[in-house]
Amino acid sequence: MRREAVAAGDQSYGAVVVRDGEIIGWGPSRVVVDRNSNAHAERVAIWDALNKGGSPGLAGAVLYSTSRACPVCKAAAARAGISRMYWGAKGAVAGTPKG
């Protein structure tokens, strides 16, 4: 997702949402391309998973991101029901998101 964001001319951030070992949502940063300051990779991945999932939440899902999520992205993850978050190339544990 990070490479896709850069290739599109955006910031170098990417994220995926995984549940039961499968990617259910993905998101390259869309802040620059969409001219939308809310389109952080984490929120794009959450929106994608929610739109595809057919359920109102993402209980049991894990969010993997290229960088530590900002406070607004953490709150979005918490509201969506994300269970755990990891960031960076080494998968640093970001824990359970707080809203």
N, C-alpha and C. Protein backbone atom coordinates (compact mmCIF):
# COMPACT_ATOMS: atom_id res chain seq x y z
N MET A 1 0.82 -1.18 0.00
CA MET A 1 0.00 0.00 0.00
C MET A 1 0.87 1.25 0.00
N ARG A 2 1.97 1.19 0.71
CA ARG A 2 2.88 2.34 0.74
C ARG A 2 3.39 2.65 -0.66
N ARG A 3 3.81 1.61 -1.38
CA ARG A 3 4.30 1.81 -2.76
C ARG A 3 3.21 2.34 -3.67
N GLU A 4 1.99 1.86 -3.48
CA GLU A 4 0.87 2.33 -4.29
C GLU A 4 0.61 3.82 -4.03
N ALA A 5 0.68 4.22 -2.78
CA ALA A 5 0.48 5.63 -2.44
C ALA A 5 1.53 6.51 -3.12
N VAL A 6 2.79 6.10 -3.02
CA VAL A 6 3.88 6.87 -3.63
C VAL A 6 3.73 6.91 -5.15
N ALA A 7 3.39 5.79 -5.75
CA ALA A 7 3.22 5.73 -7.21
C ALA A 7 2.10 6.66 -7.69
N ALA A 8 1.10 6.87 -6.84
CA ALA A 8 -0.01 7.74 -7.20
C ALA A 8 0.30 9.21 -6.92
N GLY A 9 1.47 9.47 -6.30
CA GLY A 9 1.85 10.84 -5.99
C GLY A 9 1.43 11.30 -4.61
N ASP A 10 1.18 10.34 -3.74
CA ASP A 10 0.74 10.69 -2.39
C ASP A 10 1.85 10.46 -1.37
N GLN A 11 1.52 10.64 -0.10
CA GLN A 11 2.46 10.43 0.99
C GLN A 11 2.77 8.94 1.11
N SER A 12 3.93 8.62 1.68
CA SER A 12 4.39 7.23 1.72
C SER A 12 3.86 6.46 2.93
N TYR A 13 2.54 6.29 2.96
CA TYR A 13 1.90 5.55 4.04
C TYR A 13 0.92 4.54 3.45
N GLY A 14 0.81 3.41 4.13
CA GLY A 14 -0.13 2.39 3.71
C GLY A 14 -0.61 1.59 4.91
N ALA A 15 -1.77 0.95 4.76
CA ALA A 15 -2.33 0.16 5.86
C ALA A 15 -3.23 -0.94 5.30
N VAL A 16 -3.37 -2.01 6.07
CA VAL A 16 -4.31 -3.08 5.74
C VAL A 16 -5.05 -3.49 7.00
N VAL A 17 -6.26 -4.00 6.82
CA VAL A 17 -7.05 -4.56 7.90
C VAL A 17 -7.15 -6.06 7.63
N VAL A 18 -6.81 -6.87 8.64
CA VAL A 18 -6.79 -8.32 8.51
C VAL A 18 -7.71 -8.94 9.55
N ARG A 19 -8.51 -9.92 9.10
CA ARG A 19 -9.34 -10.68 10.03
C ARG A 19 -9.29 -12.14 9.60
N ASP A 20 -9.09 -13.01 10.56
CA ASP A 20 -9.00 -14.45 10.30
C ASP A 20 -7.96 -14.77 9.23
N GLY A 21 -6.84 -14.05 9.25
CA GLY A 21 -5.74 -14.33 8.33
C GLY A 21 -5.92 -13.81 6.92
N GLU A 22 -6.99 -13.07 6.66
CA GLU A 22 -7.24 -12.54 5.32
C GLU A 22 -7.32 -11.02 5.34
N ILE A 23 -6.77 -10.39 4.32
CA ILE A 23 -6.89 -8.94 4.18
C ILE A 23 -8.31 -8.63 3.77
N ILE A 24 -8.98 -7.84 4.59
CA ILE A 24 -10.37 -7.48 4.29
C ILE A 24 -10.53 -6.01 3.92
N GLY A 25 -9.46 -5.25 4.06
CA GLY A 25 -9.49 -3.85 3.66
C GLY A 25 -8.07 -3.34 3.50
N TRP A 26 -7.87 -2.48 2.54
CA TRP A 26 -6.53 -1.91 2.35
C TRP A 26 -6.65 -0.44 2.01
N GLY A 27 -5.55 0.27 2.29
CA GLY A 27 -5.59 1.69 2.02
C GLY A 27 -4.23 2.32 1.87
N PRO A 28 -3.97 2.84 0.69
CA PRO A 28 -2.81 3.72 0.54
C PRO A 28 -3.23 5.11 1.02
N SER A 29 -2.29 5.93 1.43
CA SER A 29 -2.63 7.31 1.77
C SER A 29 -3.27 7.96 0.56
N ARG A 30 -4.35 8.72 0.79
CA ARG A 30 -5.06 9.42 -0.29
C ARG A 30 -5.18 10.91 0.02
N VAL A 31 -4.41 11.37 0.99
CA VAL A 31 -4.48 12.77 1.44
C VAL A 31 -4.21 13.74 0.30
N VAL A 32 -3.13 13.55 -0.42
CA VAL A 32 -2.74 14.46 -1.50
C VAL A 32 -3.61 14.25 -2.73
N VAL A 33 -3.74 13.00 -3.15
CA VAL A 33 -4.47 12.68 -4.38
C VAL A 33 -5.93 13.13 -4.30
N ASP A 34 -6.58 12.86 -3.16
CA ASP A 34 -7.99 13.22 -3.00
C ASP A 34 -8.19 14.62 -2.41
N ARG A 35 -7.07 15.27 -2.04
CA ARG A 35 -7.15 16.57 -1.37
C ARG A 35 -8.09 16.49 -0.17
N ASN A 36 -7.86 15.43 0.64
CA ASN A 36 -8.71 15.14 1.78
C ASN A 36 -7.82 14.84 2.98
N SER A 37 -7.75 15.75 3.90
CA SER A 37 -6.87 15.58 5.06
C SER A 37 -7.29 14.42 5.96
N ASN A 38 -8.48 13.88 5.75
CA ASN A 38 -8.94 12.72 6.53
C ASN A 38 -8.56 11.39 5.90
N ALA A 39 -8.03 11.40 4.70
CA ALA A 39 -7.78 10.16 3.96
C ALA A 39 -6.43 9.53 4.30
N HIS A 40 -6.14 9.43 5.60
CA HIS A 40 -4.94 8.74 6.04
C HIS A 40 -5.08 7.26 5.67
N ALA A 41 -3.97 6.60 5.45
CA ALA A 41 -3.98 5.19 5.03
C ALA A 41 -4.81 4.32 5.97
N GLU A 42 -4.68 4.55 7.27
CA GLU A 42 -5.41 3.74 8.24
C GLU A 42 -6.92 3.90 8.07
N ARG A 43 -7.37 5.13 7.91
CA ARG A 43 -8.81 5.34 7.75
C ARG A 43 -9.30 4.84 6.41
N VAL A 44 -8.49 4.97 5.36
CA VAL A 44 -8.88 4.44 4.05
C VAL A 44 -9.04 2.92 4.16
N ALA A 45 -8.12 2.24 4.85
CA ALA A 45 -8.21 0.79 5.01
C ALA A 45 -9.44 0.41 5.83
N ILE A 46 -9.72 1.17 6.88
CA ILE A 46 -10.92 0.91 7.70
C ILE A 46 -12.18 1.11 6.88
N TRP A 47 -12.25 2.23 6.15
CA TRP A 47 -13.43 2.49 5.30
C TRP A 47 -13.62 1.35 4.29
N ASP A 48 -12.51 0.91 3.68
CA ASP A 48 -12.58 -0.17 2.70
C ASP A 48 -13.12 -1.45 3.34
N ALA A 49 -12.60 -1.81 4.49
CA ALA A 49 -13.05 -3.03 5.17
C ALA A 49 -14.52 -2.94 5.56
N LEU A 50 -14.93 -1.79 6.08
CA LEU A 50 -16.33 -1.62 6.46
C LEU A 50 -17.25 -1.68 5.24
N ASN A 51 -16.83 -1.08 4.14
CA ASN A 51 -17.65 -1.09 2.93
C ASN A 51 -17.76 -2.48 2.31
N LYS A 52 -16.74 -3.29 2.44
CA LYS A 52 -16.74 -4.64 1.87
C LYS A 52 -17.37 -5.67 2.80
N GLY A 53 -17.28 -5.41 4.10
CA GLY A 53 -17.63 -6.43 5.08
C GLY A 53 -19.09 -6.74 5.25
N GLY A 54 -19.94 -5.79 5.00
CA GLY A 54 -21.37 -6.02 5.18
C GLY A 54 -21.80 -6.07 6.65
N SER A 55 -20.87 -5.81 7.57
CA SER A 55 -21.23 -5.77 8.99
C SER A 55 -20.90 -4.39 9.54
N PRO A 56 -21.54 -4.02 10.63
CA PRO A 56 -21.34 -2.67 11.15
C PRO A 56 -20.00 -2.44 11.83
N GLY A 57 -19.22 -3.46 12.06
CA GLY A 57 -17.95 -3.28 12.75
C GLY A 57 -16.89 -4.26 12.32
N LEU A 58 -15.73 -4.11 12.91
CA LEU A 58 -14.57 -4.92 12.55
C LEU A 58 -14.03 -5.68 13.76
N ALA A 59 -14.92 -6.18 14.59
CA ALA A 59 -14.50 -6.93 15.77
C ALA A 59 -13.59 -8.07 15.37
N GLY A 60 -12.50 -8.22 16.10
CA GLY A 60 -11.55 -9.30 15.83
C GLY A 60 -10.54 -8.99 14.74
N ALA A 61 -10.65 -7.83 14.12
CA ALA A 61 -9.72 -7.46 13.04
C ALA A 61 -8.48 -6.78 13.60
N VAL A 62 -7.40 -6.84 12.82
CA VAL A 62 -6.13 -6.23 13.19
C VAL A 62 -5.75 -5.23 12.11
N LEU A 63 -5.25 -4.08 12.53
CA LEU A 63 -4.81 -3.03 11.59
C LEU A 63 -3.29 -3.00 11.57
N TYR A 64 -2.71 -3.17 10.39
CA TYR A 64 -1.27 -3.07 10.19
C TYR A 64 -1.01 -1.80 9.38
N SER A 65 -0.07 -0.99 9.84
CA SER A 65 0.21 0.28 9.19
C SER A 65 1.71 0.50 9.07
N THR A 66 2.10 1.29 8.07
CA THR A 66 3.52 1.58 7.88
C THR A 66 4.08 2.49 8.96
N SER A 67 3.23 3.25 9.63
CA SER A 67 3.71 4.14 10.68
C SER A 67 2.69 4.17 11.81
N ARG A 68 3.11 4.73 12.94
CA ARG A 68 2.20 4.83 14.09
C ARG A 68 1.00 5.69 13.71
N ALA A 69 -0.17 5.21 14.04
CA ALA A 69 -1.41 5.91 13.71
C ALA A 69 -1.54 7.19 14.53
N CYS A 70 -2.10 8.22 13.90
CA CYS A 70 -2.37 9.47 14.59
C CYS A 70 -3.55 9.25 15.55
N PRO A 71 -3.80 10.19 16.47
CA PRO A 71 -4.90 10.03 17.41
C PRO A 71 -6.27 9.87 16.74
N VAL A 72 -6.51 10.55 15.64
CA VAL A 72 -7.81 10.44 14.96
C VAL A 72 -7.96 9.05 14.33
N CYS A 73 -6.87 8.52 13.77
CA CYS A 73 -6.92 7.17 13.19
C CYS A 73 -7.11 6.12 14.28
N LYS A 74 -6.47 6.32 15.44
CA LYS A 74 -6.67 5.40 16.56
C LYS A 74 -8.12 5.41 17.00
N ALA A 75 -8.71 6.60 17.08
CA ALA A 75 -10.11 6.70 17.47
C ALA A 75 -11.02 6.03 16.45
N ALA A 76 -10.73 6.20 15.17
CA ALA A 76 -11.52 5.55 14.11
C ALA A 76 -11.42 4.04 14.23
N ALA A 77 -10.22 3.54 14.51
CA ALA A 77 -10.02 2.10 14.67
C ALA A 77 -10.81 1.59 15.88
N ALA A 78 -10.79 2.33 16.96
CA ALA A 78 -11.54 1.94 18.16
C ALA A 78 -13.04 1.90 17.87
N ARG A 79 -13.55 2.94 17.21
CA ARG A 79 -14.98 2.99 16.88
C ARG A 79 -15.39 1.85 15.95
N ALA A 80 -14.48 1.44 15.07
CA ALA A 80 -14.78 0.35 14.13
C ALA A 80 -14.69 -1.02 14.79
N GLY A 81 -14.09 -1.08 15.97
CA GLY A 81 -13.97 -2.35 16.68
C GLY A 81 -12.68 -3.10 16.42
N ILE A 82 -11.69 -2.44 15.81
CA ILE A 82 -10.39 -3.08 15.57
C ILE A 82 -9.84 -3.58 16.92
N SER A 83 -9.34 -4.81 16.93
CA SER A 83 -8.87 -5.41 18.18
C SER A 83 -7.43 -5.08 18.54
N ARG A 84 -6.55 -5.00 17.53
CA ARG A 84 -5.13 -4.72 17.76
C ARG A 84 -4.60 -3.89 16.62
N MET A 85 -3.49 -3.19 16.89
CA MET A 85 -2.82 -2.41 15.87
C MET A 85 -1.32 -2.69 15.93
N TYR A 86 -0.70 -2.74 14.75
CA TYR A 86 0.74 -2.91 14.63
C TYR A 86 1.23 -1.90 13.61
N TRP A 87 2.47 -1.44 13.76
CA TRP A 87 2.99 -0.44 12.82
C TRP A 87 4.46 -0.67 12.55
N GLY A 88 4.89 -0.16 11.41
CA GLY A 88 6.29 -0.20 11.03
C GLY A 88 6.72 -1.50 10.42
N ALA A 89 7.93 -1.50 9.84
CA ALA A 89 8.46 -2.67 9.16
C ALA A 89 8.63 -3.87 10.09
N LYS A 90 8.91 -3.62 11.36
CA LYS A 90 9.12 -4.71 12.30
C LYS A 90 7.85 -5.09 13.06
N GLY A 91 6.75 -4.44 12.74
CA GLY A 91 5.48 -4.78 13.37
C GLY A 91 5.41 -4.43 14.85
N ALA A 92 5.83 -3.22 15.20
CA ALA A 92 5.75 -2.79 16.59
C ALA A 92 4.31 -2.85 17.08
N VAL A 93 4.13 -3.31 18.28
CA VAL A 93 2.81 -3.46 18.85
C VAL A 93 2.28 -2.09 19.28
N ALA A 94 1.16 -1.70 18.71
CA ALA A 94 0.53 -0.45 19.09
C ALA A 94 -0.62 -0.71 20.06
N GLY A 95 -0.94 -1.96 20.28
CA GLY A 95 -1.97 -2.34 21.25
C GLY A 95 -3.38 -2.16 20.75
N THR A 96 -4.29 -2.17 21.70
CA THR A 96 -5.71 -1.98 21.40
C THR A 96 -5.98 -0.51 21.21
N PRO A 97 -6.63 -0.13 20.10
CA PRO A 97 -6.89 1.30 19.89
C PRO A 97 -7.83 1.87 20.93
N LYS A 98 -7.60 3.10 21.28
CA LYS A 98 -8.45 3.81 22.25
C LYS A 98 -9.17 4.94 21.54
N GLY A 99 -10.42 5.12 21.87
CA GLY A 99 -11.23 6.15 21.23
C GLY A 99 -11.28 7.36 21.97
